[in-house]
Amino acid sequence: MLTVITATNSNVNAEFDLRFGRGAYFCVFNEENGDIKFVENEFKDAQGGAGTKAAEKMVELGVKKIISGDFGPKAKEMLEKFKIQMVIIQDGNSSVQQIIDKIKN
């Protein structure tokens, strides 16, 4: 299963990004084999609709779960439509690696 964790940078030591649509990077973590890749959020500076466009990207990537700090109403609606689980974490002090470690345990 593919899980996305929003990140401020493109490595596992980066801080968790509390923003979904405007988050800098998406860490794509494969829970089955442990593979990790980072995808830059090309919509983070969009004039409008960043959340919706980011949600479309999640569908394209085949993601089943997203861990972020917040989801806008339009992004939330689209993710629900495609049955993508949304997990909200309010702790902006965690690193991507710390969140991955929690998923593994």
N, C-alpha and C. Protein backbone atom coordinates (compact mmCIF):
# COMPACT_ATOMS: atom_id res chain seq x y z
N MET A 1 0.84 -1.18 0.00
CA MET A 1 0.00 0.00 0.00
C MET A 1 0.88 1.25 0.00
N LEU A 2 0.54 2.21 -0.83
CA LEU A 2 1.30 3.45 -0.91
C LEU A 2 0.70 4.49 0.04
N THR A 3 1.57 5.04 0.87
CA THR A 3 1.19 6.10 1.81
C THR A 3 2.01 7.33 1.49
N VAL A 4 1.37 8.49 1.47
CA VAL A 4 2.09 9.75 1.27
C VAL A 4 2.17 10.50 2.59
N ILE A 5 3.35 11.04 2.85
CA ILE A 5 3.57 11.90 4.01
C ILE A 5 4.03 13.24 3.45
N THR A 6 3.35 14.31 3.82
CA THR A 6 3.76 15.63 3.31
C THR A 6 5.05 16.05 4.01
N ALA A 7 5.99 16.61 3.25
CA ALA A 7 7.33 16.91 3.76
C ALA A 7 7.80 18.28 3.29
N THR A 8 8.67 18.90 4.10
CA THR A 8 9.21 20.22 3.77
C THR A 8 10.40 20.13 2.82
N ASN A 9 10.99 18.93 2.67
CA ASN A 9 12.13 18.74 1.81
C ASN A 9 12.11 17.32 1.24
N SER A 10 13.09 16.98 0.44
CA SER A 10 13.06 15.70 -0.27
C SER A 10 13.96 14.63 0.34
N ASN A 11 13.95 14.53 1.68
CA ASN A 11 14.68 13.44 2.33
C ASN A 11 13.97 13.06 3.62
N VAL A 12 14.29 11.88 4.14
CA VAL A 12 13.56 11.36 5.30
C VAL A 12 13.82 12.15 6.58
N ASN A 13 14.88 12.94 6.60
CA ASN A 13 15.16 13.77 7.78
C ASN A 13 14.42 15.10 7.75
N ALA A 14 13.71 15.36 6.67
CA ALA A 14 12.95 16.61 6.53
C ALA A 14 11.82 16.64 7.55
N GLU A 15 11.41 17.84 7.90
CA GLU A 15 10.28 18.00 8.80
C GLU A 15 8.99 17.67 8.06
N PHE A 16 8.06 17.13 8.81
CA PHE A 16 6.71 16.87 8.34
C PHE A 16 6.07 18.21 7.99
N ASP A 17 5.42 18.30 6.84
CA ASP A 17 4.75 19.54 6.42
C ASP A 17 3.27 19.44 6.78
N LEU A 18 2.78 20.42 7.52
CA LEU A 18 1.39 20.41 7.99
C LEU A 18 0.39 20.73 6.87
N ARG A 19 0.89 21.14 5.70
CA ARG A 19 0.00 21.53 4.59
C ARG A 19 -0.04 20.42 3.56
N PHE A 20 -1.22 20.14 3.05
CA PHE A 20 -1.34 19.13 1.99
C PHE A 20 -1.15 19.77 0.62
N GLY A 21 -2.08 20.60 0.21
CA GLY A 21 -2.04 21.19 -1.13
C GLY A 21 -0.85 22.11 -1.35
N ARG A 22 -0.38 22.73 -0.29
CA ARG A 22 0.76 23.66 -0.39
C ARG A 22 2.05 23.09 0.18
N GLY A 23 2.02 21.83 0.57
CA GLY A 23 3.23 21.18 1.07
C GLY A 23 4.29 21.11 -0.02
N ALA A 24 5.56 21.18 0.36
CA ALA A 24 6.64 21.23 -0.62
C ALA A 24 6.86 19.91 -1.36
N TYR A 25 6.82 18.81 -0.61
CA TYR A 25 7.10 17.49 -1.20
C TYR A 25 6.13 16.46 -0.67
N PHE A 26 5.97 15.39 -1.45
CA PHE A 26 5.21 14.23 -1.04
C PHE A 26 6.19 13.07 -0.91
N CYS A 27 6.30 12.53 0.29
CA CYS A 27 7.10 11.32 0.49
C CYS A 27 6.17 10.15 0.23
N VAL A 28 6.48 9.36 -0.79
CA VAL A 28 5.67 8.20 -1.15
C VAL A 28 6.34 6.97 -0.54
N PHE A 29 5.68 6.41 0.46
CA PHE A 29 6.22 5.27 1.20
C PHE A 29 5.42 4.02 0.88
N ASN A 30 6.11 2.99 0.39
CA ASN A 30 5.47 1.71 0.09
C ASN A 30 5.54 0.86 1.35
N GLU A 31 4.41 0.66 2.00
CA GLU A 31 4.38 -0.07 3.27
C GLU A 31 4.72 -1.54 3.11
N GLU A 32 4.58 -2.09 1.91
CA GLU A 32 4.84 -3.51 1.70
C GLU A 32 6.33 -3.82 1.57
N ASN A 33 7.06 -2.99 0.84
CA ASN A 33 8.48 -3.30 0.62
C ASN A 33 9.44 -2.25 1.19
N GLY A 34 8.91 -1.18 1.78
CA GLY A 34 9.76 -0.17 2.43
C GLY A 34 10.35 0.86 1.49
N ASP A 35 10.04 0.78 0.20
CA ASP A 35 10.58 1.76 -0.75
C ASP A 35 10.07 3.17 -0.42
N ILE A 36 10.96 4.13 -0.61
CA ILE A 36 10.62 5.54 -0.35
C ILE A 36 11.07 6.36 -1.55
N LYS A 37 10.17 7.21 -2.03
CA LYS A 37 10.57 8.17 -3.07
C LYS A 37 9.90 9.50 -2.76
N PHE A 38 10.50 10.56 -3.24
CA PHE A 38 9.96 11.89 -3.02
C PHE A 38 9.51 12.49 -4.34
N VAL A 39 8.35 13.12 -4.30
CA VAL A 39 7.79 13.79 -5.47
C VAL A 39 7.56 15.24 -5.09
N GLU A 40 8.14 16.15 -5.87
CA GLU A 40 7.93 17.57 -5.59
C GLU A 40 6.48 17.93 -5.89
N ASN A 41 5.90 18.75 -5.02
CA ASN A 41 4.52 19.20 -5.24
C ASN A 41 4.56 20.37 -6.22
N GLU A 42 4.26 20.07 -7.46
CA GLU A 42 4.31 21.09 -8.51
C GLU A 42 3.20 22.12 -8.38
N PHE A 43 2.24 21.89 -7.49
CA PHE A 43 1.09 22.79 -7.34
C PHE A 43 1.18 23.69 -6.11
N LYS A 44 2.28 23.59 -5.35
CA LYS A 44 2.37 24.32 -4.08
C LYS A 44 2.26 25.83 -4.23
N ASP A 45 2.62 26.37 -5.38
CA ASP A 45 2.56 27.82 -5.60
C ASP A 45 1.43 28.22 -6.55
N ALA A 46 0.50 27.31 -6.79
CA ALA A 46 -0.61 27.60 -7.70
C ALA A 46 -1.47 28.74 -7.16
N GLN A 47 -2.03 29.53 -8.06
CA GLN A 47 -2.89 30.65 -7.66
C GLN A 47 -4.12 30.15 -6.90
N GLY A 48 -4.65 29.04 -7.32
CA GLY A 48 -5.83 28.48 -6.68
C GLY A 48 -5.96 27.02 -7.04
N GLY A 49 -6.68 26.28 -6.24
CA GLY A 49 -6.91 24.87 -6.53
C GLY A 49 -5.75 23.95 -6.26
N ALA A 50 -4.80 24.38 -5.43
CA ALA A 50 -3.62 23.56 -5.14
C ALA A 50 -4.02 22.23 -4.51
N GLY A 51 -4.95 22.26 -3.59
CA GLY A 51 -5.38 21.04 -2.91
C GLY A 51 -6.03 20.05 -3.85
N THR A 52 -6.89 20.55 -4.72
CA THR A 52 -7.58 19.69 -5.69
C THR A 52 -6.58 19.08 -6.65
N LYS A 53 -5.64 19.88 -7.14
CA LYS A 53 -4.63 19.37 -8.08
C LYS A 53 -3.72 18.36 -7.39
N ALA A 54 -3.37 18.63 -6.13
CA ALA A 54 -2.55 17.67 -5.37
C ALA A 54 -3.31 16.37 -5.15
N ALA A 55 -4.62 16.47 -4.90
CA ALA A 55 -5.44 15.28 -4.71
C ALA A 55 -5.48 14.45 -6.01
N GLU A 56 -5.58 15.13 -7.14
CA GLU A 56 -5.55 14.43 -8.43
C GLU A 56 -4.23 13.69 -8.62
N LYS A 57 -3.15 14.31 -8.17
CA LYS A 57 -1.83 13.68 -8.26
C LYS A 57 -1.77 12.42 -7.41
N MET A 58 -2.42 12.43 -6.25
CA MET A 58 -2.45 11.26 -5.38
C MET A 58 -3.17 10.09 -6.06
N VAL A 59 -4.26 10.42 -6.75
CA VAL A 59 -5.01 9.39 -7.49
C VAL A 59 -4.12 8.81 -8.59
N GLU A 60 -3.43 9.70 -9.29
CA GLU A 60 -2.52 9.29 -10.38
C GLU A 60 -1.41 8.37 -9.86
N LEU A 61 -0.89 8.67 -8.66
CA LEU A 61 0.19 7.88 -8.07
C LEU A 61 -0.30 6.55 -7.49
N GLY A 62 -1.61 6.41 -7.31
CA GLY A 62 -2.15 5.18 -6.74
C GLY A 62 -2.05 5.11 -5.23
N VAL A 63 -2.04 6.26 -4.58
CA VAL A 63 -1.91 6.35 -3.12
C VAL A 63 -3.20 5.90 -2.45
N LYS A 64 -3.08 5.22 -1.31
CA LYS A 64 -4.25 4.77 -0.56
C LYS A 64 -4.42 5.51 0.77
N LYS A 65 -3.34 6.16 1.24
CA LYS A 65 -3.41 6.89 2.52
C LYS A 65 -2.49 8.10 2.44
N ILE A 66 -2.95 9.22 3.02
CA ILE A 66 -2.15 10.44 3.07
C ILE A 66 -2.08 10.91 4.51
N ILE A 67 -0.87 11.22 4.95
CA ILE A 67 -0.66 11.77 6.29
C ILE A 67 -0.23 13.21 6.13
N SER A 68 -1.03 14.12 6.67
CA SER A 68 -0.75 15.55 6.57
C SER A 68 -1.37 16.25 7.78
N GLY A 69 -1.18 17.55 7.85
CA GLY A 69 -1.72 18.32 8.97
C GLY A 69 -3.10 18.88 8.70
N ASP A 70 -3.45 19.02 7.42
CA ASP A 70 -4.73 19.62 7.09
C ASP A 70 -5.08 19.32 5.63
N PHE A 71 -6.37 19.25 5.35
CA PHE A 71 -6.87 19.04 3.99
C PHE A 71 -7.97 20.06 3.76
N GLY A 72 -7.89 20.79 2.68
CA GLY A 72 -8.95 21.74 2.35
C GLY A 72 -10.22 21.00 1.96
N PRO A 73 -11.35 21.70 1.98
CA PRO A 73 -12.64 21.03 1.71
C PRO A 73 -12.74 20.39 0.32
N LYS A 74 -12.20 21.03 -0.70
CA LYS A 74 -12.28 20.46 -2.05
C LYS A 74 -11.35 19.26 -2.21
N ALA A 75 -10.15 19.35 -1.62
CA ALA A 75 -9.22 18.21 -1.66
C ALA A 75 -9.83 17.04 -0.90
N LYS A 76 -10.41 17.33 0.26
CA LYS A 76 -11.02 16.30 1.09
C LYS A 76 -12.14 15.58 0.32
N GLU A 77 -12.96 16.36 -0.36
CA GLU A 77 -14.07 15.80 -1.13
C GLU A 77 -13.56 14.85 -2.22
N MET A 78 -12.52 15.27 -2.92
CA MET A 78 -11.97 14.44 -3.99
C MET A 78 -11.32 13.17 -3.43
N LEU A 79 -10.57 13.30 -2.35
CA LEU A 79 -9.91 12.14 -1.75
C LEU A 79 -10.93 11.14 -1.24
N GLU A 80 -12.02 11.64 -0.66
CA GLU A 80 -13.09 10.75 -0.19
C GLU A 80 -13.72 10.01 -1.37
N LYS A 81 -13.91 10.73 -2.46
CA LYS A 81 -14.51 10.15 -3.67
C LYS A 81 -13.69 8.95 -4.16
N PHE A 82 -12.36 9.07 -4.08
CA PHE A 82 -11.48 7.99 -4.54
C PHE A 82 -11.06 7.05 -3.41
N LYS A 83 -11.72 7.18 -2.27
CA LYS A 83 -11.50 6.29 -1.11
C LYS A 83 -10.04 6.29 -0.65
N ILE A 84 -9.44 7.48 -0.63
CA ILE A 84 -8.08 7.63 -0.11
C ILE A 84 -8.19 8.10 1.34
N GLN A 85 -7.61 7.33 2.23
CA GLN A 85 -7.68 7.63 3.66
C GLN A 85 -6.84 8.87 3.98
N MET A 86 -7.40 9.76 4.82
CA MET A 86 -6.69 10.96 5.25
C MET A 86 -6.41 10.85 6.75
N VAL A 87 -5.13 10.98 7.11
CA VAL A 87 -4.73 10.94 8.51
C VAL A 87 -4.16 12.31 8.85
N ILE A 88 -4.73 12.93 9.86
CA ILE A 88 -4.29 14.28 10.26
C ILE A 88 -3.41 14.18 11.50
N ILE A 89 -2.23 14.75 11.38
CA ILE A 89 -1.30 14.85 12.52
C ILE A 89 -1.00 16.33 12.73
N GLN A 90 -1.15 16.79 13.93
CA GLN A 90 -0.94 18.22 14.22
C GLN A 90 0.48 18.52 14.72
N ASP A 91 1.32 17.50 14.83
CA ASP A 91 2.68 17.69 15.35
C ASP A 91 3.64 18.07 14.22
N GLY A 92 3.92 19.36 14.10
CA GLY A 92 4.82 19.84 13.07
C GLY A 92 6.29 19.64 13.39
N ASN A 93 6.59 19.04 14.54
CA ASN A 93 7.98 18.84 14.95
C ASN A 93 8.52 17.46 14.57
N SER A 94 7.67 16.62 14.02
CA SER A 94 8.11 15.28 13.63
C SER A 94 8.84 15.33 12.29
N SER A 95 9.77 14.40 12.12
CA SER A 95 10.42 14.26 10.82
C SER A 95 9.67 13.19 10.04
N VAL A 96 9.91 13.16 8.76
CA VAL A 96 9.30 12.14 7.91
C VAL A 96 9.72 10.76 8.41
N GLN A 97 10.98 10.60 8.77
CA GLN A 97 11.48 9.31 9.25
C GLN A 97 10.75 8.87 10.51
N GLN A 98 10.48 9.79 11.42
CA GLN A 98 9.76 9.44 12.66
C GLN A 98 8.36 8.93 12.35
N ILE A 99 7.72 9.52 11.37
CA ILE A 99 6.37 9.09 10.99
C ILE A 99 6.44 7.71 10.32
N ILE A 100 7.43 7.51 9.47
CA ILE A 100 7.61 6.20 8.84
C ILE A 100 7.85 5.14 9.90
N ASP A 101 8.66 5.45 10.90
CA ASP A 101 8.93 4.51 11.99
C ASP A 101 7.66 4.12 12.72
N LYS A 102 6.76 5.10 12.92
CA LYS A 102 5.47 4.81 13.60
C LYS A 102 4.60 3.92 12.73
N ILE A 103 4.63 4.12 11.42
CA ILE A 103 3.84 3.28 10.51
C ILE A 103 4.34 1.83 10.56
N LYS A 104 5.65 1.66 10.60
CA LYS A 104 6.24 0.32 10.60
C LYS A 104 5.93 -0.46 11.88
N ASN A 105 5.75 0.25 12.99
CA ASN A 105 5.53 -0.44 14.28
C ASN A 105 4.11 -0.70 14.59
